[in-house]
Amino acid sequence: MWTAILLACVGCYLLKLAGLSLPERVLSHPTVERVADLIPVALLAALVAVQVFSGGTSLTLDARVLGLGFAVVALLLRMPFLVVVVGASVVAALARLV
């Protein structure tokens, strides 16, 4: 197990080093900038999807889906972030009580 951890550490370091050694003209290319802006959004969306719709090894639909639904509607209505988070938590908690 420690071998795998150390190999992952070395791989991450080398990947970071490769990114730092790229010339500025490559990094300032519009396509690279656009992709770099969108990658965190895609990763966060994938993380949310996995956390909301998975239960072990199967897909589930439970109170988390209702909380996510509230959050999506609240964000579309441009509510403050704190209202979105607290509201989604309250909706999911109330759904679990039922």
C-alpha atoms as a PDB file:
ATOM      1  CA  MET A   1       0.000   0.000   0.000  1.00  0.00           C
ATOM      2  CA  TRP A   2       2.797   2.439   0.846  1.00  0.00           C
ATOM      3  CA  THR A   3       4.373   1.784  -2.522  1.00  0.00           C
ATOM      4  CA  ALA A   4       1.173   2.879  -4.256  1.00  0.00           C
ATOM      5  CA  ILE A   5       0.987   6.016  -2.096  1.00  0.00           C
ATOM      6  CA  LEU A   6       4.592   6.934  -2.814  1.00  0.00           C
ATOM      7  CA  LEU A   7       4.118   6.324  -6.547  1.00  0.00           C
ATOM      8  CA  ALA A   8       1.027   8.540  -6.522  1.00  0.00           C
ATOM      9  CA  CYS A   9       2.995  11.266  -4.719  1.00  0.00           C
ATOM     10  CA  VAL A  10       5.804  11.101  -7.260  1.00  0.00           C
ATOM     11  CA  GLY A  11       3.314  11.120 -10.127  1.00  0.00           C
ATOM     12  CA  CYS A  12       1.513  14.188  -8.743  1.00  0.00           C
ATOM     13  CA  TYR A  13       4.820  15.990  -8.238  1.00  0.00           C
ATOM     14  CA  LEU A  14       5.944  15.221 -11.791  1.00  0.00           C
ATOM     15  CA  LEU A  15       2.597  16.369 -13.189  1.00  0.00           C
ATOM     16  CA  LYS A  16       2.871  19.632 -11.253  1.00  0.00           C
ATOM     17  CA  LEU A  17       6.457  20.066 -12.457  1.00  0.00           C
ATOM     18  CA  ALA A  18       5.382  19.467 -16.057  1.00  0.00           C
ATOM     19  CA  GLY A  19       2.720  22.161 -15.726  1.00  0.00           C
ATOM     20  CA  LEU A  20       5.207  24.647 -14.291  1.00  0.00           C
ATOM     21  CA  SER A  21       7.709  24.007 -17.059  1.00  0.00           C
ATOM     22  CA  LEU A  22       5.310  24.844 -19.898  1.00  0.00           C
ATOM     23  CA  PRO A  23       6.159  28.031 -21.800  1.00  0.00           C
ATOM     24  CA  GLU A  24       3.977  31.088 -21.222  1.00  0.00           C
ATOM     25  CA  ARG A  25       2.770  31.109 -24.843  1.00  0.00           C
ATOM     26  CA  VAL A  26       1.160  27.684 -24.348  1.00  0.00           C
ATOM     27  CA  LEU A  27      -0.558  28.717 -21.122  1.00  0.00           C
ATOM     28  CA  SER A  28      -1.875  31.984 -22.582  1.00  0.00           C
ATOM     29  CA  HIS A  29      -3.564  30.237 -25.528  1.00  0.00           C
ATOM     30  CA  PRO A  30      -7.362  30.914 -25.380  1.00  0.00           C
ATOM     31  CA  THR A  31      -8.272  27.232 -25.650  1.00  0.00           C
ATOM     32  CA  VAL A  32      -5.999  26.276 -22.771  1.00  0.00           C
ATOM     33  CA  GLU A  33      -7.390  29.113 -20.634  1.00  0.00           C
ATOM     34  CA  ARG A  34     -10.980  28.079 -21.377  1.00  0.00           C
ATOM     35  CA  VAL A  35     -10.331  24.421 -20.561  1.00  0.00           C
ATOM     36  CA  ALA A  36      -8.501  25.393 -17.372  1.00  0.00           C
ATOM     37  CA  ASP A  37     -11.520  27.492 -16.345  1.00  0.00           C
ATOM     38  CA  LEU A  38     -14.019  24.688 -17.007  1.00  0.00           C
ATOM     39  CA  ILE A  39     -12.191  21.709 -15.465  1.00  0.00           C
ATOM     40  CA  PRO A  40     -12.951  22.636 -11.820  1.00  0.00           C
ATOM     41  CA  VAL A  41     -16.646  23.064 -12.664  1.00  0.00           C
ATOM     42  CA  ALA A  42     -16.792  19.650 -14.330  1.00  0.00           C
ATOM     43  CA  LEU A  43     -14.969  17.965 -11.447  1.00  0.00           C
ATOM     44  CA  LEU A  44     -17.244  19.547  -8.848  1.00  0.00           C
ATOM     45  CA  ALA A  45     -20.350  18.581 -10.829  1.00  0.00           C
ATOM     46  CA  ALA A  46     -19.113  14.992 -11.070  1.00  0.00           C
ATOM     47  CA  LEU A  47     -18.420  14.908  -7.335  1.00  0.00           C
ATOM     48  CA  VAL A  48     -21.904  16.223  -6.546  1.00  0.00           C
ATOM     49  CA  ALA A  49     -23.514  13.691  -8.896  1.00  0.00           C
ATOM     50  CA  VAL A  50     -21.644  10.788  -7.322  1.00  0.00           C
ATOM     51  CA  GLN A  51     -22.424  11.908  -3.776  1.00  0.00           C
ATOM     52  CA  VAL A  52     -26.122  12.556  -4.468  1.00  0.00           C
ATOM     53  CA  PHE A  53     -27.060   9.625  -6.688  1.00  0.00           C
ATOM     54  CA  SER A  54     -24.929   6.794  -5.314  1.00  0.00           C
ATOM     55  CA  GLY A  55     -25.532   4.550  -2.361  1.00  0.00           C
ATOM     56  CA  GLY A  56     -22.701   2.065  -2.125  1.00  0.00           C
ATOM     57  CA  THR A  57     -22.600   0.253  -5.432  1.00  0.00           C
ATOM     58  CA  SER A  58     -26.039   1.238  -6.721  1.00  0.00           C
ATOM     59  CA  LEU A  59     -27.909   4.328  -7.823  1.00  0.00           C
ATOM     60  CA  THR A  60     -30.357   5.729  -5.281  1.00  0.00           C
ATOM     61  CA  LEU A  61     -32.989   8.410  -5.199  1.00  0.00           C
ATOM     62  CA  ASP A  62     -33.493   9.697  -1.677  1.00  0.00           C
ATOM     63  CA  ALA A  63     -33.637  12.938   0.300  1.00  0.00           C
ATOM     64  CA  ARG A  64     -30.355  14.139  -1.169  1.00  0.00           C
ATOM     65  CA  VAL A  65     -32.029  14.489  -4.570  1.00  0.00           C
ATOM     66  CA  LEU A  66     -34.678  16.789  -3.093  1.00  0.00           C
ATOM     67  CA  GLY A  67     -31.963  18.865  -1.435  1.00  0.00           C
ATOM     68  CA  LEU A  68     -30.092  19.135  -4.718  1.00  0.00           C
ATOM     69  CA  GLY A  69     -33.312  20.111  -6.477  1.00  0.00           C
ATOM     70  CA  PHE A  70     -33.871  22.909  -3.976  1.00  0.00           C
ATOM     71  CA  ALA A  71     -30.279  24.067  -4.438  1.00  0.00           C
ATOM     72  CA  VAL A  72     -30.633  24.174  -8.226  1.00  0.00           C
ATOM     73  CA  VAL A  73     -33.855  26.196  -8.032  1.00  0.00           C
ATOM     74  CA  ALA A  74     -32.369  28.534  -5.424  1.00  0.00           C
ATOM     75  CA  LEU A  75     -29.288  29.112  -7.563  1.00  0.00           C
ATOM     76  CA  LEU A  76     -31.434  29.805 -10.627  1.00  0.00           C
ATOM     77  CA  LEU A  77     -33.305  32.383  -8.558  1.00  0.00           C
ATOM     78  CA  ARG A  78     -29.910  33.864  -7.603  1.00  0.00           C
ATOM     79  CA  MET A  79     -30.394  33.415  -3.877  1.00  0.00           C
ATOM     80  CA  PRO A  80     -27.381  33.978  -1.595  1.00  0.00           C
ATOM     81  CA  PHE A  81     -25.082  30.994  -1.176  1.00  0.00           C
ATOM     82  CA  LEU A  82     -25.840  30.615   2.529  1.00  0.00           C
ATOM     83  CA  VAL A  83     -29.569  30.406   1.770  1.00  0.00           C
ATOM     84  CA  VAL A  84     -28.867  27.740  -0.855  1.00  0.00           C
ATOM     85  CA  VAL A  85     -26.793  25.581   1.489  1.00  0.00           C
ATOM     86  CA  VAL A  86     -29.041  25.926   4.540  1.00  0.00           C
ATOM     87  CA  GLY A  87     -32.207  25.535   2.474  1.00  0.00           C
ATOM     88  CA  ALA A  88     -30.960  22.389   0.769  1.00  0.00           C
ATOM     89  CA  SER A  89     -29.983  20.945   4.150  1.00  0.00           C
ATOM     90  CA  VAL A  90     -33.381  21.729   5.636  1.00  0.00           C
ATOM     91  CA  VAL A  91     -35.224  20.234   2.658  1.00  0.00           C
ATOM     92  CA  ALA A  92     -33.144  17.044   2.817  1.00  0.00           C
ATOM     93  CA  ALA A  93     -33.621  16.795   6.590  1.00  0.00           C
ATOM     94  CA  LEU A  94     -37.396  17.253   6.318  1.00  0.00           C
ATOM     95  CA  ALA A  95     -37.557  14.644   3.558  1.00  0.00           C
ATOM     96  CA  ARG A  96     -35.718  12.158   5.760  1.00  0.00           C
ATOM     97  CA  LEU A  97     -38.232  12.731   8.553  1.00  0.00           C
ATOM     98  CA  VAL A  98     -41.104  11.700   6.302  1.00  0.00           C
END
